[in-house]
């Protein structure tokens, strides 16, 4: 065999091996991209589940806090609140505060803004109620003004709920 034939044969073998290597590398890249996409999809799904759980707890606790404020106002109209009354209100406030803190870590700004408005209003009404309870109301604070402020909480909580639903991709406003 002459040198040219050996060179051609060697080129053929190298080409065959090179093609197999390129095919293998291409398959590895495709597999790696597939794994990365799968991982990204799984992370997105987990993030959505995290936000959904957080929003559910926050919405529930905001409603329960607003309800506890309303109940406490009724107690203040009828009698002096007892330890159980005070504890119920403070537990509702604490649960809301804890889930609001959680939301601050996972929610986008489009949810944080209306949530912050609702949170500030809840906190403001809580302050009014506590000052009324302790007989230290500020000028303009009364059971009536606190009741009106408490009633306005529901609209703010509804706006927060709509923002959370939009973030979760839940269609339709109701």
Protein backbone atom coordinates (compact mmCIF):
# COMPACT_ATOMS: atom_id res chain seq x y z
CA UNK A 1 0.00 0.00 0.00
CA UNK A 2 1.32 3.35 -0.83
CA UNK A 3 1.46 6.37 1.43
CA UNK A 4 -1.46 8.09 -0.30
CA UNK A 5 -3.73 5.10 0.32
CA UNK A 6 -2.67 4.96 3.97
CA UNK A 7 -3.34 8.70 4.32
CA UNK A 8 -6.77 8.33 2.73
CA UNK A 9 -7.59 5.38 4.99
CA UNK A 10 -6.37 7.27 8.06
CA UNK A 11 -8.45 10.29 7.06
CA UNK A 12 -11.50 8.07 6.67
CA UNK A 13 -10.97 6.49 10.10
CA UNK A 14 -10.37 9.92 11.67
CA UNK A 15 -13.46 11.29 9.95
CA UNK A 16 -15.57 8.39 11.17
CA UNK A 17 -14.27 8.76 14.72
CA UNK A 18 -14.63 12.54 14.56
CA UNK A 19 -18.22 12.28 13.35
CA UNK A 20 -19.05 9.88 16.17
CA UNK A 21 -17.42 12.23 18.67
CA UNK A 22 -19.32 15.24 17.30
CA UNK A 23 -22.57 13.29 17.41
CA UNK A 24 -21.88 12.26 20.99
CA UNK A 25 -21.08 15.83 22.03
CA UNK A 26 -24.21 17.11 20.32
CA UNK A 27 -26.30 14.52 22.12
CA UNK A 28 -24.66 15.47 25.44
CA UNK A 29 -25.41 19.17 24.82
CA UNK A 30 -29.00 18.38 23.91
CA UNK A 31 -29.38 16.22 27.01
CA UNK A 32 -27.84 18.96 29.19
CA UNK A 33 -30.23 21.56 27.70
CA UNK A 34 -33.14 19.20 28.30
CA UNK A 35 -32.10 18.74 31.92
CA UNK A 36 -31.64 22.49 32.41
CA UNK A 37 -35.07 23.20 30.92
CA UNK A 38 -36.62 20.51 33.09
CA UNK A 39 -34.93 21.95 36.16
CA UNK A 40 -36.04 25.49 35.26
CA UNK A 41 -39.62 24.24 34.75
CA UNK A 42 -39.54 22.43 38.12
CA UNK A 43 -38.16 25.53 39.87
CA UNK A 44 -40.88 27.69 38.28
CA UNK A 45 -43.53 25.20 39.41
CA UNK A 46 -42.11 25.15 42.96
CA UNK A 47 -41.96 28.96 43.02
CA UNK A 48 -45.59 29.17 41.94
CA UNK A 49 -46.61 26.66 44.63
CA UNK A 50 -44.64 28.65 47.23
CA UNK A 51 -46.35 31.90 46.25
CA UNK A 52 -49.78 30.26 46.10
CA UNK A 53 -49.38 28.89 49.63
CA UNK A 54 -48.04 32.19 50.92
CA UNK A 55 -50.85 34.18 49.29
CA UNK A 56 -53.50 31.81 50.62
CA UNK A 57 -52.20 32.18 54.18
CA UNK A 58 -51.80 35.95 53.86
CA UNK A 59 -55.29 36.46 52.43
CA UNK A 60 -56.88 34.21 55.06
CA UNK A 61 -55.01 35.92 57.89
CA UNK A 62 -55.74 39.43 56.62
CA UNK A 63 -59.44 38.56 56.58
CA UNK A 64 -59.22 37.00 60.03
CA UNK A 65 -57.37 40.05 61.37
CA UNK A 66 -60.05 42.38 59.95
CA UNK A 67 -62.74 40.16 61.45
CA UNK A 68 -60.97 40.11 64.82
CA UNK A 69 -60.81 43.90 64.76
CA UNK A 70 -64.54 44.04 64.07
CA UNK A 71 -65.27 41.63 66.91
CA UNK A 72 -63.08 43.61 69.27
CA UNK A 73 -64.91 46.80 68.38
CA UNK A 74 -68.21 45.07 69.21
CA UNK A 75 -66.77 43.95 72.54
CA UNK A 76 -65.64 47.52 73.27
CA UNK A 77 -69.18 48.76 72.58
CA UNK A 78 -70.70 46.19 74.94
CA UNK A 79 -68.18 45.76 77.74
CA UNK A 80 -64.54 45.85 78.74
CA UNK A 81 -62.55 43.24 76.86
CA UNK A 82 -61.33 40.23 78.80
CA UNK A 83 -58.06 38.39 78.45
CA UNK A 84 -59.54 36.02 75.85
CA UNK A 85 -60.74 38.97 73.76
CA UNK A 86 -57.35 40.65 73.85
CA UNK A 87 -55.54 37.38 73.14
CA UNK A 88 -57.80 36.61 70.13
CA UNK A 89 -57.08 40.00 68.58
CA UNK A 90 -53.34 39.76 69.21
CA UNK A 91 -53.17 36.23 67.78
CA UNK A 92 -54.92 37.39 64.61
CA UNK A 93 -52.52 40.33 64.33
CA UNK A 94 -49.49 38.10 64.88
CA UNK A 95 -50.62 35.53 62.30
CA UNK A 96 -51.14 38.27 59.73
CA UNK A 97 -47.77 39.87 60.54
CA UNK A 98 -45.98 36.53 60.14
CA UNK A 99 -47.52 35.82 56.74
CA UNK A 100 -47.01 39.39 55.58
CA UNK A 101 -43.31 38.96 56.42
CA UNK A 102 -43.26 35.76 54.36
CA UNK A 103 -44.93 37.51 51.42
CA UNK A 104 -42.30 40.25 51.49
CA UNK A 105 -39.72 37.58 50.65
CA UNK A 106 -41.52 35.85 47.76
CA UNK A 107 -44.02 38.26 46.20
CA UNK A 108 -43.24 40.61 43.32
CA UNK A 109 -43.69 44.36 43.67
CA UNK A 110 -47.08 44.18 41.92
CA UNK A 111 -48.36 42.22 44.94
CA UNK A 112 -46.30 43.98 47.61
CA UNK A 113 -47.71 47.45 46.83
CA UNK A 114 -51.41 46.65 47.43
CA UNK A 115 -50.45 44.26 50.21
CA UNK A 116 -48.52 47.01 51.94
CA UNK A 117 -51.51 49.34 51.67
CA UNK A 118 -53.74 46.70 53.29
CA UNK A 119 -51.13 45.89 55.93
CA UNK A 120 -50.70 49.56 56.88
CA UNK A 121 -54.47 50.00 57.13
CA UNK A 122 -54.83 46.89 59.30
CA UNK A 123 -52.06 48.14 61.56
CA UNK A 124 -53.58 51.63 61.73
CA UNK A 125 -57.01 50.26 62.72
CA UNK A 126 -55.37 47.94 65.25
CA UNK A 127 -53.66 50.97 66.82
CA UNK A 128 -56.96 52.83 67.01
CA UNK A 129 -58.71 49.85 68.58
CA UNK A 130 -55.96 49.36 71.16
CA UNK A 131 -55.97 53.06 72.09
CA UNK A 132 -59.75 52.96 72.47
CA UNK A 133 -59.43 49.80 74.57
CA UNK A 134 -56.92 51.50 76.87
CA UNK A 135 -58.88 54.75 77.07
CA UNK A 136 -56.14 56.69 75.28
CA UNK A 137 -57.89 57.63 72.05
CA UNK A 138 -56.36 60.38 69.94
CA UNK A 139 -58.43 63.35 68.79
CA UNK A 140 -60.99 62.16 66.25
CA UNK A 141 -60.74 58.51 67.29
CA UNK A 142 -63.98 56.95 68.44
CA UNK A 143 -65.73 53.61 68.20
CA UNK A 144 -67.56 54.98 65.17
CA UNK A 145 -64.44 56.21 63.35
CA UNK A 146 -62.64 52.94 64.15
CA UNK A 147 -65.65 50.99 62.84
CA UNK A 148 -65.65 53.00 59.62
CA UNK A 149 -61.91 52.45 59.20
CA UNK A 150 -62.34 48.73 59.89
CA UNK A 151 -65.10 48.53 57.26
CA UNK A 152 -62.76 50.11 54.67
CA UNK A 153 -60.25 47.27 55.21
CA UNK A 154 -62.35 44.87 53.14
CA UNK A 155 -61.87 46.84 49.92
CA UNK A 156 -58.09 46.97 50.47
CA UNK A 157 -57.95 43.24 51.18
CA UNK A 158 -59.92 42.61 47.98
CA UNK A 159 -57.45 44.71 45.96
CA UNK A 160 -54.59 42.70 47.49
CA UNK A 161 -56.37 39.46 46.58
CA UNK A 162 -56.75 40.58 42.95
CA UNK A 163 -53.03 41.38 42.75
CA UNK A 164 -52.15 37.95 44.14
CA UNK A 165 -54.52 36.22 41.70
CA UNK A 166 -53.01 38.13 38.76
CA UNK A 167 -49.53 37.09 39.88
CA UNK A 168 -50.63 33.46 40.04
CA UNK A 169 -52.16 33.67 36.58
CA UNK A 170 -55.67 33.01 37.80
CA UNK A 171 -58.00 34.29 35.10
CA UNK A 172 -60.96 36.51 35.66
CA UNK A 173 -61.87 39.20 38.10
CA UNK A 174 -64.91 38.77 40.26
